[in-house]
Amino acid sequence: MELVGTMVVVLLVGPLLLIGATGLLLLAAAVFPSTPRRVRETFRCPVTKRVVTADFTVPEGAEHPAEVTSCTAFPNRARITCKKDCREFAEVRWGLSRAVFPRWALTAGGLVTWRNAAE
């Protein structure tokens, strides 16, 4: 009988302890500052007027990227020699990760991309 009582207590209290520990971890993640994130965008460069792919470093809560870490407009992608005007119009909103979904998706009517038709 004592074993049954112990099992009931473990089965009732155990999940509550796990839920409480998970809640504390989520609270700690929300309170402590996070590291800057890296965003990759493909766009038309305002300097070279070519379509390029650039990697930006974005601090937490920023509206615009702080730094351009690499760009395909230059032979050495890590050495960027322009004024980095692209930081002003780069999108740094939070959203669904594009890595989760394929970039190109075949549909019955044709090809669908992440970009809008107006872009």
Protein backbone atom coordinates (compact mmCIF):
# COMPACT_ATOMS: atom_id res chain seq x y z
CA MET A 1 0.00 0.00 0.00
CA GLU A 2 2.89 2.30 0.77
CA LEU A 3 4.33 1.68 -2.70
CA VAL A 4 1.04 2.67 -4.36
CA GLY A 5 0.94 5.91 -2.35
CA THR A 6 4.51 6.73 -3.36
CA MET A 7 3.77 6.05 -7.03
CA VAL A 8 0.69 8.29 -6.94
CA VAL A 9 2.68 11.14 -5.40
CA VAL A 10 5.51 10.73 -7.95
CA LEU A 11 3.08 10.61 -10.88
CA LEU A 12 1.23 13.71 -9.70
CA VAL A 13 4.13 15.83 -8.45
CA GLY A 14 6.73 14.84 -11.08
CA PRO A 15 5.02 16.52 -14.05
CA LEU A 16 4.36 19.63 -11.97
CA LEU A 17 8.07 19.87 -11.14
CA LEU A 18 8.97 19.49 -14.84
CA ILE A 19 6.48 22.20 -15.82
CA GLY A 20 7.87 24.52 -13.13
CA ALA A 21 11.47 23.92 -14.20
CA THR A 22 10.56 24.59 -17.85
CA GLY A 23 8.81 27.80 -16.85
CA LEU A 24 11.88 28.98 -14.92
CA LEU A 25 14.13 28.25 -17.90
CA LEU A 26 11.85 30.19 -20.24
CA LEU A 27 11.75 33.10 -17.79
CA ALA A 28 15.54 33.11 -17.56
CA ALA A 29 15.82 33.09 -21.37
CA ALA A 30 13.50 36.09 -21.59
CA VAL A 31 15.26 38.09 -18.86
CA PHE A 32 18.92 37.63 -19.86
CA PRO A 33 20.15 39.43 -22.98
CA SER A 34 20.80 37.33 -26.03
CA THR A 35 23.65 37.44 -28.48
CA PRO A 36 23.34 39.23 -31.82
CA ARG A 37 21.79 37.17 -34.55
CA ARG A 38 22.91 36.76 -38.13
CA VAL A 39 20.56 37.50 -41.03
CA ARG A 40 21.17 36.69 -44.70
CA GLU A 41 19.33 38.71 -47.34
CA THR A 42 19.40 38.81 -51.14
CA PHE A 43 18.69 42.24 -52.62
CA ARG A 44 19.77 44.81 -55.21
CA CYS A 45 22.85 46.62 -53.89
CA PRO A 46 22.47 50.45 -53.83
CA VAL A 47 26.18 50.86 -54.62
CA THR A 48 26.91 48.28 -57.35
CA LYS A 49 23.31 48.03 -58.66
CA ARG A 50 23.70 44.22 -58.79
CA VAL A 51 21.76 41.52 -57.01
CA VAL A 52 23.91 40.43 -54.04
CA THR A 53 23.61 38.26 -50.96
CA ALA A 54 24.82 39.80 -47.70
CA ASP A 55 25.10 38.57 -44.13
CA PHE A 56 24.20 41.10 -41.42
CA THR A 57 24.81 41.11 -37.66
CA VAL A 58 21.69 42.32 -35.85
CA PRO A 59 21.66 43.20 -32.13
CA GLU A 60 18.63 42.23 -30.06
CA GLY A 61 15.73 44.64 -30.60
CA ALA A 62 17.42 46.65 -33.36
CA GLU A 63 15.50 48.00 -36.34
CA HIS A 64 18.52 47.92 -38.66
CA PRO A 65 21.61 45.70 -38.81
CA ALA A 66 24.70 46.89 -36.97
CA GLU A 67 27.26 45.39 -39.34
CA VAL A 68 27.66 43.68 -42.70
CA THR A 69 29.75 40.55 -42.16
CA SER A 70 29.95 39.34 -45.76
CA CYS A 71 28.74 40.38 -49.20
CA THR A 72 28.90 38.71 -52.61
CA ALA A 73 29.58 42.05 -54.35
CA PHE A 74 33.26 41.81 -53.39
CA PRO A 75 35.87 39.21 -54.41
CA ASN A 76 36.78 38.70 -50.74
CA ARG A 77 33.32 38.46 -49.18
CA ALA A 78 34.56 39.21 -45.66
CA ARG A 79 36.40 42.41 -46.69
CA ILE A 80 33.73 45.00 -47.42
CA THR A 81 35.03 48.31 -48.71
CA CYS A 82 31.84 50.30 -49.32
CA LYS A 83 29.91 52.58 -46.94
CA LYS A 84 27.42 49.74 -46.22
CA ASP A 85 24.34 51.75 -47.18
CA CYS A 86 22.38 48.50 -47.44
CA ARG A 87 22.03 48.39 -43.64
CA GLU A 88 19.37 51.10 -43.78
CA PHE A 89 16.83 49.08 -45.78
CA ALA A 90 17.58 45.51 -44.70
CA GLU A 91 14.64 43.70 -43.09
CA VAL A 92 15.43 42.46 -39.59
CA ARG A 93 11.96 41.53 -38.38
CA TRP A 94 11.33 38.31 -36.51
CA GLY A 95 9.39 35.69 -38.40
CA LEU A 96 9.30 32.11 -39.51
CA SER A 97 12.68 30.75 -40.40
CA ARG A 98 13.05 30.29 -44.12
CA ALA A 99 15.37 27.37 -43.48
CA VAL A 100 12.40 25.32 -42.27
CA PHE A 101 10.68 25.53 -45.63
CA PRO A 102 12.13 25.01 -49.11
CA ARG A 103 13.02 28.20 -50.95
CA TRP A 104 11.20 27.08 -54.09
CA ALA A 105 7.98 25.10 -53.88
CA LEU A 106 6.36 23.50 -56.90
CA THR A 107 2.62 23.90 -57.07
CA ALA A 108 -0.01 22.92 -59.61
CA GLY A 109 -0.06 26.43 -61.08
CA GLY A 110 3.68 27.05 -61.30
CA LEU A 111 6.56 28.12 -59.08
CA VAL A 112 6.10 29.89 -55.74
CA THR A 113 8.88 31.82 -54.02
CA TRP A 114 9.23 33.68 -50.70
CA ARG A 115 9.34 37.01 -52.51
CA ASN A 116 6.16 38.83 -53.48
CA ALA A 117 5.41 39.39 -57.13
CA ALA A 118 5.79 43.15 -56.60
CA GLU A 119 9.43 42.86 -55.49
